Amino acid sequence: MMSIILSIYLFIKSHILLLSFLFGIAGEEFVLFLAILAGNGEMSLIPVIIGGILGTIFIDQIYFFIGRSKFIKQLDNKGSISKATKFLPQFIKKFGEKNIILEIFITKFIYGTRAASIILLGTKIHYRKFLISDIIAIVGWASLMIPLAWLSGRGIQIFLNITKGLEKFFFIGLLLIIIYFLSVKLITSRLKNKIKPVQSE
């Protein structure tokens, strides 16, 4: 059993770029997890950044072209797309009308909104405009969040070196998760409050 775990570990360490690319396809939170491991000294950060960004850009293009497909266009003509995307927060749609980069950037922080938002953009805008906006938004997100995740990993490593206590490691991990979700909730509520006065006018 230990030999299997060691083999998997060695495979991951020797294919960090590929793993980061696949994790980027799976979701931004997985890229942040790898960045935390990099901060903990388990792997190099540069392949995580490059692979994570490329993977995220790749899957966004897939979502966009799903939005450009004939099937989605037929649904859009019938009004089905508007009904299917009702769950998207109103402020995301509001920003999307004015600033595509900001819309894509915000969806990186709100779980479950990225795919639907980009598919919806695929029914509205030209590909070149989306590609440029998507790259800028993803690089902006990566420039902000990956260093923070890496620093969190460094903090965890220092903490472990000092305490040598596994239970405290789990506590600090739980604390980081709580802080992250509270931050996202705070940002979301503030953006909603800013949109409401505009709608009431």
N, C-alpha and C. Protein backbone atom coordinates (compact mmCIF):
# COMPACT_ATOMS: atom_id res chain seq x y z
N MET A 1 0.83 -1.21 0.00
CA MET A 1 0.00 0.00 0.00
C MET A 1 0.86 1.26 0.00
N MET A 2 1.89 1.24 0.84
CA MET A 2 2.77 2.40 0.92
C MET A 2 3.53 2.62 -0.39
N SER A 3 3.88 1.51 -1.06
CA SER A 3 4.60 1.63 -2.33
C SER A 3 3.72 2.26 -3.40
N ILE A 4 2.41 1.95 -3.37
CA ILE A 4 1.47 2.55 -4.33
C ILE A 4 1.35 4.05 -4.08
N ILE A 5 1.20 4.42 -2.82
CA ILE A 5 1.10 5.84 -2.45
C ILE A 5 2.36 6.59 -2.86
N LEU A 6 3.52 5.96 -2.63
CA LEU A 6 4.79 6.58 -3.00
C LEU A 6 4.91 6.74 -4.51
N SER A 7 4.44 5.74 -5.26
CA SER A 7 4.48 5.81 -6.73
C SER A 7 3.60 6.95 -7.25
N ILE A 8 2.41 7.09 -6.66
CA ILE A 8 1.49 8.18 -7.04
C ILE A 8 2.11 9.53 -6.73
N TYR A 9 2.71 9.61 -5.55
CA TYR A 9 3.35 10.86 -5.13
C TYR A 9 4.49 11.26 -6.08
N LEU A 10 5.32 10.30 -6.46
CA LEU A 10 6.43 10.56 -7.37
C LEU A 10 5.94 10.94 -8.76
N PHE A 11 4.84 10.29 -9.19
CA PHE A 11 4.25 10.61 -10.49
C PHE A 11 3.75 12.05 -10.51
N ILE A 12 3.08 12.44 -9.43
CA ILE A 12 2.55 13.80 -9.33
C ILE A 12 3.69 14.82 -9.35
N LYS A 13 4.75 14.55 -8.60
CA LYS A 13 5.87 15.49 -8.51
C LYS A 13 6.59 15.64 -9.85
N SER A 14 6.57 14.59 -10.67
CA SER A 14 7.25 14.63 -11.97
C SER A 14 6.36 15.12 -13.10
N HIS A 15 5.07 15.32 -12.82
CA HIS A 15 4.13 15.80 -13.85
C HIS A 15 3.28 16.94 -13.29
N ILE A 16 3.93 17.89 -12.64
CA ILE A 16 3.20 18.99 -11.99
C ILE A 16 2.47 19.86 -13.01
N LEU A 17 3.11 20.14 -14.15
CA LEU A 17 2.49 20.99 -15.17
C LEU A 17 1.21 20.37 -15.70
N LEU A 18 1.26 19.08 -16.03
CA LEU A 18 0.08 18.37 -16.53
C LEU A 18 -1.01 18.32 -15.46
N LEU A 19 -0.63 18.02 -14.24
CA LEU A 19 -1.59 17.95 -13.14
C LEU A 19 -2.26 19.30 -12.91
N SER A 20 -1.47 20.37 -12.96
CA SER A 20 -2.00 21.72 -12.77
C SER A 20 -2.98 22.08 -13.89
N PHE A 21 -2.66 21.67 -15.11
CA PHE A 21 -3.55 21.90 -16.26
C PHE A 21 -4.88 21.19 -16.04
N LEU A 22 -4.84 19.93 -15.63
CA LEU A 22 -6.06 19.16 -15.38
C LEU A 22 -6.86 19.73 -14.21
N PHE A 23 -6.14 20.19 -13.19
CA PHE A 23 -6.81 20.80 -12.04
C PHE A 23 -7.44 22.14 -12.44
N GLY A 24 -6.80 22.87 -13.36
CA GLY A 24 -7.38 24.10 -13.87
C GLY A 24 -8.68 23.85 -14.59
N ILE A 25 -8.75 22.72 -15.31
CA ILE A 25 -10.00 22.33 -15.98
C ILE A 25 -11.07 21.98 -14.95
N ALA A 26 -10.66 21.30 -13.89
CA ALA A 26 -11.61 20.87 -12.85
C ALA A 26 -12.18 22.05 -12.07
N GLY A 27 -11.37 23.09 -11.85
CA GLY A 27 -11.87 24.25 -11.09
C GLY A 27 -10.74 25.01 -10.42
N GLU A 28 -10.98 26.31 -10.21
CA GLU A 28 -9.94 27.17 -9.65
C GLU A 28 -9.53 26.76 -8.24
N GLU A 29 -10.49 26.21 -7.48
CA GLU A 29 -10.17 25.83 -6.10
C GLU A 29 -9.11 24.73 -6.06
N PHE A 30 -9.07 23.89 -7.08
CA PHE A 30 -8.06 22.82 -7.14
C PHE A 30 -6.67 23.39 -7.43
N VAL A 31 -6.65 24.44 -8.25
CA VAL A 31 -5.37 25.11 -8.52
C VAL A 31 -4.84 25.75 -7.24
N LEU A 32 -5.73 26.35 -6.47
CA LEU A 32 -5.33 26.96 -5.20
C LEU A 32 -4.82 25.90 -4.22
N PHE A 33 -5.41 24.71 -4.27
CA PHE A 33 -4.95 23.61 -3.42
C PHE A 33 -3.50 23.25 -3.77
N LEU A 34 -3.20 23.19 -5.09
CA LEU A 34 -1.83 22.89 -5.52
C LEU A 34 -0.87 24.01 -5.10
N ALA A 35 -1.36 25.27 -5.15
CA ALA A 35 -0.52 26.40 -4.74
C ALA A 35 -0.19 26.31 -3.24
N ILE A 36 -1.15 25.85 -2.47
CA ILE A 36 -0.90 25.65 -1.03
C ILE A 36 0.16 24.57 -0.83
N LEU A 37 0.07 23.48 -1.61
CA LEU A 37 1.07 22.42 -1.53
C LEU A 37 2.45 22.95 -1.94
N ALA A 38 2.46 23.83 -2.97
CA ALA A 38 3.72 24.44 -3.40
C ALA A 38 4.32 25.29 -2.29
N GLY A 39 3.48 26.03 -1.60
CA GLY A 39 3.94 26.82 -0.47
C GLY A 39 4.44 25.96 0.67
N ASN A 40 3.91 24.76 0.74
CA ASN A 40 4.31 23.81 1.77
C ASN A 40 5.59 23.07 1.39
N GLY A 41 6.12 23.38 0.18
CA GLY A 41 7.37 22.78 -0.25
C GLY A 41 7.24 21.46 -0.98
N GLU A 42 6.00 21.09 -1.33
CA GLU A 42 5.78 19.79 -1.98
C GLU A 42 6.07 19.82 -3.48
N MET A 43 6.00 21.01 -4.09
CA MET A 43 6.21 21.13 -5.54
C MET A 43 6.59 22.56 -5.88
N SER A 44 7.02 22.76 -7.14
CA SER A 44 7.39 24.10 -7.60
C SER A 44 6.14 24.92 -7.93
N LEU A 45 6.19 26.20 -7.66
CA LEU A 45 5.01 27.06 -7.88
C LEU A 45 4.82 27.42 -9.35
N ILE A 46 5.91 27.63 -10.10
CA ILE A 46 5.82 28.11 -11.49
C ILE A 46 4.98 27.18 -12.36
N PRO A 47 5.22 25.85 -12.36
CA PRO A 47 4.36 24.96 -13.16
C PRO A 47 2.89 25.01 -12.74
N VAL A 48 2.66 25.22 -11.45
CA VAL A 48 1.28 25.32 -10.95
C VAL A 48 0.59 26.54 -11.56
N ILE A 49 1.31 27.67 -11.59
CA ILE A 49 0.74 28.89 -12.16
C ILE A 49 0.46 28.72 -13.64
N ILE A 50 1.47 28.24 -14.39
CA ILE A 50 1.33 28.10 -15.85
C ILE A 50 0.24 27.08 -16.20
N GLY A 51 0.33 25.89 -15.62
CA GLY A 51 -0.65 24.85 -15.90
C GLY A 51 -2.05 25.22 -15.46
N GLY A 52 -2.16 25.84 -14.28
CA GLY A 52 -3.47 26.25 -13.77
C GLY A 52 -4.15 27.28 -14.66
N ILE A 53 -3.38 28.28 -15.10
CA ILE A 53 -3.93 29.32 -15.98
C ILE A 53 -4.35 28.72 -17.32
N LEU A 54 -3.49 27.89 -17.92
CA LEU A 54 -3.81 27.28 -19.21
C LEU A 54 -5.04 26.38 -19.13
N GLY A 55 -5.13 25.60 -18.05
CA GLY A 55 -6.28 24.71 -17.88
C GLY A 55 -7.57 25.48 -17.70
N THR A 56 -7.52 26.57 -16.95
CA THR A 56 -8.71 27.40 -16.72
C THR A 56 -9.15 28.08 -18.02
N ILE A 57 -8.19 28.60 -18.77
CA ILE A 57 -8.51 29.22 -20.06
C ILE A 57 -9.12 28.19 -21.01
N PHE A 58 -8.54 26.99 -21.03
CA PHE A 58 -9.01 25.93 -21.92
C PHE A 58 -10.48 25.59 -21.66
N ILE A 59 -10.84 25.34 -20.40
CA ILE A 59 -12.21 24.94 -20.10
C ILE A 59 -13.19 26.09 -20.34
N ASP A 60 -12.73 27.32 -20.16
CA ASP A 60 -13.60 28.48 -20.45
C ASP A 60 -13.93 28.55 -21.94
N GLN A 61 -12.97 28.18 -22.79
CA GLN A 61 -13.23 28.18 -24.24
C GLN A 61 -14.26 27.11 -24.60
N ILE A 62 -14.19 25.98 -23.91
CA ILE A 62 -15.17 24.91 -24.14
C ILE A 62 -16.57 25.41 -23.80
N TYR A 63 -16.70 26.05 -22.63
CA TYR A 63 -18.00 26.59 -22.22
C TYR A 63 -18.51 27.62 -23.23
N PHE A 64 -17.59 28.47 -23.71
CA PHE A 64 -17.99 29.52 -24.65
C PHE A 64 -18.54 28.91 -25.94
N PHE A 65 -17.84 27.91 -26.46
CA PHE A 65 -18.28 27.32 -27.73
C PHE A 65 -19.52 26.44 -27.56
N ILE A 66 -19.77 25.98 -26.34
CA ILE A 66 -21.06 25.35 -26.07
C ILE A 66 -22.17 26.38 -26.26
N GLY A 67 -21.89 27.60 -25.77
CA GLY A 67 -22.84 28.70 -25.94
C GLY A 67 -23.04 29.09 -27.39
N ARG A 68 -22.03 28.86 -28.23
CA ARG A 68 -22.12 29.20 -29.66
C ARG A 68 -22.74 28.08 -30.50
N SER A 69 -22.99 26.93 -29.89
CA SER A 69 -23.51 25.79 -30.64
C SER A 69 -24.94 26.04 -31.11
N LYS A 70 -25.33 25.30 -32.16
CA LYS A 70 -26.68 25.44 -32.73
C LYS A 70 -27.75 25.06 -31.73
N PHE A 71 -27.46 24.05 -30.93
CA PHE A 71 -28.43 23.59 -29.93
C PHE A 71 -28.75 24.69 -28.92
N ILE A 72 -27.68 25.36 -28.41
CA ILE A 72 -27.88 26.43 -27.44
C ILE A 72 -28.58 27.62 -28.10
N LYS A 73 -28.22 27.92 -29.36
CA LYS A 73 -28.88 29.02 -30.07
C LYS A 73 -30.37 28.77 -30.23
N GLN A 74 -30.74 27.52 -30.50
CA GLN A 74 -32.16 27.19 -30.60
C GLN A 74 -32.87 27.38 -29.27
N LEU A 75 -32.20 26.96 -28.20
CA LEU A 75 -32.77 27.17 -26.87
C LEU A 75 -32.89 28.65 -26.55
N ASP A 76 -31.88 29.43 -26.99
CA ASP A 76 -31.87 30.87 -26.73
C ASP A 76 -33.02 31.56 -27.46
N ASN A 77 -33.29 31.12 -28.68
CA ASN A 77 -34.39 31.70 -29.46
C ASN A 77 -35.74 31.43 -28.81
N LYS A 78 -35.82 30.30 -28.10
CA LYS A 78 -37.08 29.95 -27.42
C LYS A 78 -37.17 30.56 -26.02
N GLY A 79 -36.08 31.21 -25.59
CA GLY A 79 -36.08 31.81 -24.26
C GLY A 79 -35.68 30.86 -23.16
N SER A 80 -35.27 29.63 -23.53
CA SER A 80 -34.92 28.63 -22.52
C SER A 80 -33.63 28.97 -21.78
N ILE A 81 -32.68 29.63 -22.47
CA ILE A 81 -31.41 29.97 -21.85
C ILE A 81 -31.62 30.98 -20.72
N SER A 82 -32.47 31.96 -20.97
CA SER A 82 -32.75 32.97 -19.94
C SER A 82 -33.36 32.33 -18.70
N LYS A 83 -34.26 31.34 -18.93
CA LYS A 83 -34.87 30.65 -17.80
C LYS A 83 -33.85 29.80 -17.06
N ALA A 84 -32.95 29.14 -17.83
CA ALA A 84 -31.97 28.23 -17.23
C ALA A 84 -30.91 28.97 -16.43
N THR A 85 -30.70 30.25 -16.75
CA THR A 85 -29.66 31.03 -16.05
C THR A 85 -30.26 32.01 -15.04
N LYS A 86 -31.48 31.78 -14.64
CA LYS A 86 -32.12 32.65 -13.64
C LYS A 86 -31.43 32.59 -12.30
N PHE A 87 -30.76 31.43 -12.05
CA PHE A 87 -30.09 31.27 -10.75
C PHE A 87 -28.87 32.17 -10.62
N LEU A 88 -28.35 32.70 -11.73
CA LEU A 88 -27.19 33.59 -11.66
C LEU A 88 -27.57 34.87 -10.93
N PRO A 89 -26.75 35.30 -9.99
CA PRO A 89 -27.03 36.56 -9.28
C PRO A 89 -27.22 37.71 -10.26
N GLN A 90 -28.16 38.59 -9.98
CA GLN A 90 -28.49 39.67 -10.89
C GLN A 90 -27.31 40.60 -11.12
N PHE A 91 -26.47 40.80 -10.08
CA PHE A 91 -25.36 41.73 -10.25
C PHE A 91 -24.32 41.20 -11.22
N ILE A 92 -24.21 39.84 -11.37
CA ILE A 92 -23.29 39.28 -12.36
C ILE A 92 -23.75 39.63 -13.76
N LYS A 93 -25.05 39.47 -14.02
CA LYS A 93 -25.59 39.84 -15.32
C LYS A 93 -25.45 41.34 -15.58
N LYS A 94 -25.63 42.12 -14.51
CA LYS A 94 -25.54 43.58 -14.62
C LYS A 94 -24.12 44.00 -15.01
N PHE A 95 -23.12 43.41 -14.35
CA PHE A 95 -21.73 43.71 -14.70
C PHE A 95 -21.40 43.22 -16.10
N GLY A 96 -21.96 42.06 -16.47
CA GLY A 96 -21.67 41.48 -17.79
C GLY A 96 -22.11 42.36 -18.93
N GLU A 97 -23.13 43.17 -18.71
CA GLU A 97 -23.61 44.08 -19.75
C GLU A 97 -22.61 45.21 -20.00
N LYS A 98 -21.82 45.54 -18.98
CA LYS A 98 -20.91 46.68 -19.08
C LYS A 98 -19.44 46.27 -19.15
N ASN A 99 -19.07 45.24 -18.42
CA ASN A 99 -17.66 44.88 -18.29
C ASN A 99 -17.53 43.36 -18.24
N ILE A 100 -17.18 42.75 -19.36
CA ILE A 100 -17.09 41.29 -19.46
C ILE A 100 -15.95 40.78 -18.58
N ILE A 101 -14.84 41.51 -18.55
CA ILE A 101 -13.69 41.10 -17.74
C ILE A 101 -14.10 40.98 -16.28
N LEU A 102 -14.83 41.97 -15.78
CA LEU A 102 -15.26 41.97 -14.38
C LEU A 102 -16.24 40.83 -14.12
N GLU A 103 -17.12 40.57 -15.07
CA GLU A 103 -18.08 39.47 -14.90
C GLU A 103 -17.35 38.13 -14.75
N ILE A 104 -16.41 37.86 -15.67
CA ILE A 104 -15.66 36.60 -15.62
C ILE A 104 -14.86 36.51 -14.33
N PHE A 105 -14.25 37.62 -13.93
CA PHE A 105 -13.44 37.66 -12.71
C PHE A 105 -14.29 37.33 -11.49
N ILE A 106 -15.49 37.89 -11.40
CA ILE A 106 -16.36 37.67 -10.23
C ILE A 106 -16.79 36.21 -10.14
N THR A 107 -17.06 35.58 -11.31
CA THR A 107 -17.52 34.18 -11.29
C THR A 107 -16.45 33.24 -10.73
N LYS A 108 -15.19 33.68 -10.71
CA LYS A 108 -14.12 32.84 -10.14
C LYS A 108 -14.27 32.71 -8.63
N PHE A 109 -15.05 33.60 -8.02
CA PHE A 109 -15.20 33.61 -6.56
C PHE A 109 -16.55 33.07 -6.10
N ILE A 110 -17.47 32.84 -7.03
CA ILE A 110 -18.82 32.39 -6.67
C ILE A 110 -19.05 31.02 -7.28
N TYR A 111 -19.05 30.00 -6.44
CA TYR A 111 -19.13 28.62 -6.92
C TYR A 111 -20.41 28.38 -7.71
N GLY A 112 -20.26 27.69 -8.86
CA GLY A 112 -21.41 27.28 -9.65
C GLY A 112 -21.89 28.27 -10.68
N THR A 113 -21.22 29.43 -10.79
CA THR A 113 -21.69 30.46 -11.74
C THR A 113 -20.84 30.54 -13.01
N ARG A 114 -19.62 29.98 -13.00
CA ARG A 114 -18.69 30.18 -14.10
C ARG A 114 -19.22 29.60 -15.42
N ALA A 115 -19.59 28.32 -15.42
CA ALA A 115 -19.99 27.65 -16.65
C ALA A 115 -21.22 28.33 -17.27
N ALA A 116 -22.26 28.54 -16.46
CA ALA A 116 -23.50 29.14 -16.97
C ALA A 116 -23.26 30.54 -17.49
N SER A 117 -22.45 31.32 -16.77
CA SER A 117 -22.17 32.69 -17.17
C SER A 117 -21.44 32.74 -18.51
N ILE A 118 -20.45 31.86 -18.71
CA ILE A 118 -19.67 31.86 -19.95
C ILE A 118 -20.50 31.32 -21.11
N ILE A 119 -21.33 30.30 -20.86
CA ILE A 119 -22.23 29.79 -21.91
C ILE A 119 -23.17 30.90 -22.36
N LEU A 120 -23.66 31.68 -21.40
CA LEU A 120 -24.53 32.82 -21.72
C LEU A 120 -23.79 33.86 -22.55
N LEU A 121 -22.53 34.11 -22.21
CA LEU A 121 -21.73 35.05 -23.00
C LEU A 121 -21.53 34.55 -24.42
N GLY A 122 -21.45 33.22 -24.57
CA GLY A 122 -21.27 32.63 -25.88
C GLY A 122 -22.43 32.91 -26.83
N THR A 123 -23.59 33.21 -26.28
CA THR A 123 -24.75 33.53 -27.12
C THR A 123 -24.82 35.02 -27.48
N LYS A 124 -23.90 35.82 -26.90
CA LYS A 124 -24.04 37.27 -27.04
C LYS A 124 -22.86 37.97 -27.73
N ILE A 125 -21.62 37.52 -27.46
CA ILE A 125 -20.47 38.32 -27.90
C ILE A 125 -19.57 37.54 -28.86
N HIS A 126 -18.70 38.27 -29.56
CA HIS A 126 -17.75 37.65 -30.48
C HIS A 126 -16.64 36.95 -29.72
N TYR A 127 -16.07 35.90 -30.35
CA TYR A 127 -15.07 35.08 -29.67
C TYR A 127 -13.82 35.86 -29.31
N ARG A 128 -13.34 36.71 -30.22
CA ARG A 128 -12.10 37.44 -29.96
C ARG A 128 -12.23 38.31 -28.71
N LYS A 129 -13.37 38.97 -28.58
CA LYS A 129 -13.60 39.82 -27.41
C LYS A 129 -13.63 38.98 -26.13
N PHE A 130 -14.27 37.80 -26.22
CA PHE A 130 -14.33 36.93 -25.05
C PHE A 130 -12.95 36.42 -24.69
N LEU A 131 -12.17 35.97 -25.68
CA LEU A 131 -10.85 35.39 -25.42
C LEU A 131 -9.95 36.38 -24.70
N ILE A 132 -9.90 37.61 -25.19
CA ILE A 132 -9.06 38.64 -24.57
C ILE A 132 -9.53 38.93 -23.15
N SER A 133 -10.85 39.06 -22.98
CA SER A 133 -11.42 39.34 -21.65
C SER A 133 -11.16 38.19 -20.69
N ASP A 134 -11.29 36.97 -21.19
CA ASP A 134 -11.09 35.79 -20.36
C ASP A 134 -9.65 35.68 -19.88
N ILE A 135 -8.70 35.90 -20.78
CA ILE A 135 -7.28 35.83 -20.42
C ILE A 135 -6.94 36.87 -19.36
N ILE A 136 -7.43 38.11 -19.56
CA ILE A 136 -7.16 39.18 -18.60
C ILE A 136 -7.75 38.85 -17.23
N ALA A 137 -9.00 38.35 -17.22
CA ALA A 137 -9.68 38.02 -15.96
C ALA A 137 -8.97 36.89 -15.22
N ILE A 138 -8.56 35.86 -15.96
CA ILE A 138 -7.91 34.70 -15.34
C ILE A 138 -6.53 35.06 -14.80
N VAL A 139 -5.77 35.81 -15.59
CA VAL A 139 -4.44 36.25 -15.13
C VAL A 139 -4.58 37.14 -13.91
N GLY A 140 -5.60 38.00 -13.91
CA GLY A 140 -5.85 38.86 -12.75
C GLY A 140 -6.20 38.05 -11.52
N TRP A 141 -7.08 37.05 -11.69
CA TRP A 141 -7.45 36.17 -10.58
C TRP A 141 -6.23 35.42 -10.07
N ALA A 142 -5.44 34.85 -10.99
CA ALA A 142 -4.26 34.08 -10.61
C ALA A 142 -3.23 34.94 -9.90
N SER A 143 -3.06 36.18 -10.36
CA SER A 143 -2.09 37.09 -9.75
C SER A 143 -2.47 37.44 -8.31
N LEU A 144 -3.78 37.41 -8.03
CA LEU A 144 -4.26 37.73 -6.70
C LEU A 144 -4.31 36.51 -5.78
N MET A 145 -4.92 35.43 -6.27
CA MET A 145 -5.24 34.30 -5.40
C MET A 145 -4.11 33.27 -5.23
N ILE A 146 -3.37 33.00 -6.30
CA ILE A 146 -2.32 31.98 -6.20
C ILE A 146 -1.22 32.39 -5.22
N PRO A 147 -0.73 33.64 -5.26
CA PRO A 147 0.25 34.04 -4.23
C PRO A 147 -0.30 33.94 -2.81
N LEU A 148 -1.59 34.27 -2.63
CA LEU A 148 -2.19 34.15 -1.31
C LEU A 148 -2.25 32.69 -0.86
N ALA A 149 -2.60 31.80 -1.79
CA ALA A 149 -2.64 30.38 -1.47
C ALA A 149 -1.23 29.87 -1.15
N TRP A 150 -0.24 30.32 -1.91
CA TRP A 150 1.15 29.92 -1.68
C TRP A 150 1.61 30.39 -0.30
N LEU A 151 1.27 31.62 0.04
CA LEU A 151 1.63 32.15 1.36
C LEU A 151 0.94 31.38 2.47
N SER A 152 -0.30 30.94 2.20
CA SER A 152 -1.01 30.12 3.19
C SER A 152 -0.26 28.81 3.41
N GLY A 153 0.22 28.23 2.29
CA GLY A 153 1.01 27.01 2.40
C GLY A 153 2.30 27.21 3.18
N ARG A 154 2.95 28.35 2.96
CA ARG A 154 4.17 28.67 3.71
C ARG A 154 3.85 28.82 5.20
N GLY A 155 2.72 29.47 5.47
CA GLY A 155 2.32 29.65 6.86
C GLY A 155 2.03 28.32 7.54
N ILE A 156 1.38 27.41 6.81
CA ILE A 156 1.09 26.09 7.35
C ILE A 156 2.39 25.34 7.65
N GLN A 157 3.35 25.45 6.72
CA GLN A 157 4.62 24.75 6.90
C GLN A 157 5.36 25.27 8.14
N ILE A 158 5.39 26.59 8.29
CA ILE A 158 6.05 27.18 9.47
C ILE A 158 5.32 26.76 10.75
N PHE A 159 3.99 26.76 10.66
CA PHE A 159 3.19 26.38 11.81
C PHE A 159 3.47 24.93 12.23
N LEU A 160 3.56 24.05 11.24
CA LEU A 160 3.82 22.64 11.52
C LEU A 160 5.21 22.43 12.12
N ASN A 161 6.15 23.21 11.59
CA ASN A 161 7.52 23.09 12.11
C ASN A 161 7.59 23.50 13.58
N ILE A 162 6.74 24.46 13.95
CA ILE A 162 6.75 24.95 15.32
C ILE A 162 5.99 24.02 16.26
N THR A 163 4.80 23.61 15.83
CA THR A 163 3.91 22.86 16.73
C THR A 163 4.09 21.35 16.65
N LYS A 164 4.37 20.86 15.42
CA LYS A 164 4.46 19.41 15.19
C LYS A 164 3.17 18.71 15.61
N GLY A 165 2.06 19.43 15.54
CA GLY A 165 0.79 18.83 15.96
C GLY A 165 -0.16 18.70 14.79
N LEU A 166 -0.56 17.49 14.44
CA LEU A 166 -1.43 17.25 13.29
C LEU A 166 -2.81 17.85 13.50
N GLU A 167 -3.32 17.80 14.73
CA GLU A 167 -4.66 18.34 14.99
C GLU A 167 -4.70 19.85 14.77
N LYS A 168 -3.59 20.52 15.02
CA LYS A 168 -3.54 21.96 14.79
C LYS A 168 -3.47 22.28 13.29
N PHE A 169 -2.87 21.38 12.53
CA PHE A 169 -2.83 21.54 11.08
C PHE A 169 -4.25 21.53 10.51
N PHE A 170 -5.09 20.58 10.97
CA PHE A 170 -6.46 20.51 10.50
C PHE A 170 -7.25 21.75 10.94
N PHE A 171 -6.95 22.25 12.13
CA PHE A 171 -7.64 23.43 12.63
C PHE A 171 -7.34 24.65 11.76
N ILE A 172 -6.06 24.83 11.40
CA ILE A 172 -5.69 25.99 10.59
C ILE A 172 -6.26 25.88 9.19
N GLY A 173 -6.35 24.65 8.65
CA GLY A 173 -6.95 24.44 7.34
C GLY A 173 -8.42 24.79 7.35
N LEU A 174 -9.13 24.36 8.41
CA LEU A 174 -10.54 24.68 8.56
C LEU A 174 -10.75 26.17 8.70
N LEU A 175 -9.87 26.82 9.43
CA LEU A 175 -9.95 28.27 9.63
C LEU A 175 -9.79 29.02 8.31
N LEU A 176 -8.85 28.58 7.48
CA LEU A 176 -8.63 29.21 6.16
C LEU A 176 -9.86 29.06 5.27
N ILE A 177 -10.49 27.88 5.30
CA ILE A 177 -11.69 27.64 4.50
C ILE A 177 -12.83 28.56 4.95
N ILE A 178 -13.00 28.70 6.27
CA ILE A 178 -14.06 29.56 6.81
C ILE A 178 -13.83 31.01 6.41
N ILE A 179 -12.58 31.47 6.52
CA ILE A 179 -12.25 32.85 6.14
C ILE A 179 -12.53 33.08 4.67
N TYR A 180 -12.20 32.10 3.81
CA TYR A 180 -12.42 32.24 2.38
C TYR A 180 -13.90 32.40 2.06
N PHE A 181 -14.75 31.50 2.62
CA PHE A 181 -16.17 31.55 2.31
C PHE A 181 -16.84 32.80 2.90
N LEU A 182 -16.38 33.22 4.07
CA LEU A 182 -16.93 34.46 4.65
C LEU A 182 -16.56 35.67 3.80
N SER A 183 -15.36 35.68 3.25
CA SER A 183 -14.91 36.77 2.39
C SER A 183 -15.75 36.83 1.12
N VAL A 184 -15.99 35.66 0.52
CA VAL A 184 -16.80 35.60 -0.70
C VAL A 184 -18.22 36.07 -0.42
N LYS A 185 -18.77 35.65 0.73
CA LYS A 185 -20.13 36.05 1.09
C LYS A 185 -20.21 37.56 1.31
N LEU A 186 -19.19 38.13 1.94
CA LEU A 186 -19.16 39.56 2.21
C LEU A 186 -19.08 40.36 0.91
N ILE A 187 -18.22 39.91 -0.01
CA ILE A 187 -18.07 40.59 -1.30
C ILE A 187 -19.38 40.52 -2.08
N THR A 188 -20.02 39.34 -2.08
CA THR A 188 -21.28 39.15 -2.80
C THR A 188 -22.37 40.05 -2.26
N SER A 189 -22.51 40.12 -0.93
CA SER A 189 -23.57 40.94 -0.33
C SER A 189 -23.35 42.42 -0.59
N ARG A 190 -22.09 42.86 -0.58
CA ARG A 190 -21.81 44.27 -0.84
C ARG A 190 -22.10 44.64 -2.29
N LEU A 191 -21.76 43.74 -3.21
CA LEU A 191 -22.06 44.00 -4.62
C LEU A 191 -23.56 44.05 -4.87
N LYS A 192 -24.32 43.17 -4.20
CA LYS A 192 -25.77 43.18 -4.33
C LYS A 192 -26.35 44.49 -3.82
N ASN A 193 -25.83 44.99 -2.71
CA ASN A 193 -26.32 46.25 -2.13
C ASN A 193 -26.03 47.44 -3.04
N LYS A 194 -24.93 47.37 -3.79
CA LYS A 194 -24.59 48.45 -4.71
C LYS A 194 -25.49 48.44 -5.93
N ILE A 195 -25.93 47.24 -6.33
CA ILE A 195 -26.79 47.12 -7.50
C ILE A 195 -28.22 47.55 -7.20
N LYS A 196 -28.72 47.27 -5.98
CA LYS A 196 -30.11 47.53 -5.63
C LYS A 196 -30.54 48.99 -5.81
N PRO A 197 -29.72 49.98 -5.33
CA PRO A 197 -30.13 51.38 -5.53
C PRO A 197 -30.27 51.74 -7.01
N VAL A 198 -29.42 51.18 -7.84
CA VAL A 198 -29.48 51.46 -9.27
C VAL A 198 -30.76 50.94 -9.88
N GLN A 199 -31.18 49.71 -9.46
CA GLN A 199 -32.39 49.12 -9.99
C GLN A 199 -33.64 49.88 -9.52
N SER A 200 -33.61 50.38 -8.28
CA SER A 200 -34.77 51.08 -7.75
C SER A 200 -35.01 52.40 -8.47
N GLU A 201 -33.94 53.00 -9.02
CA GLU A 201 -34.08 54.26 -9.75
C GLU A 201 -34.75 54.01 -11.10
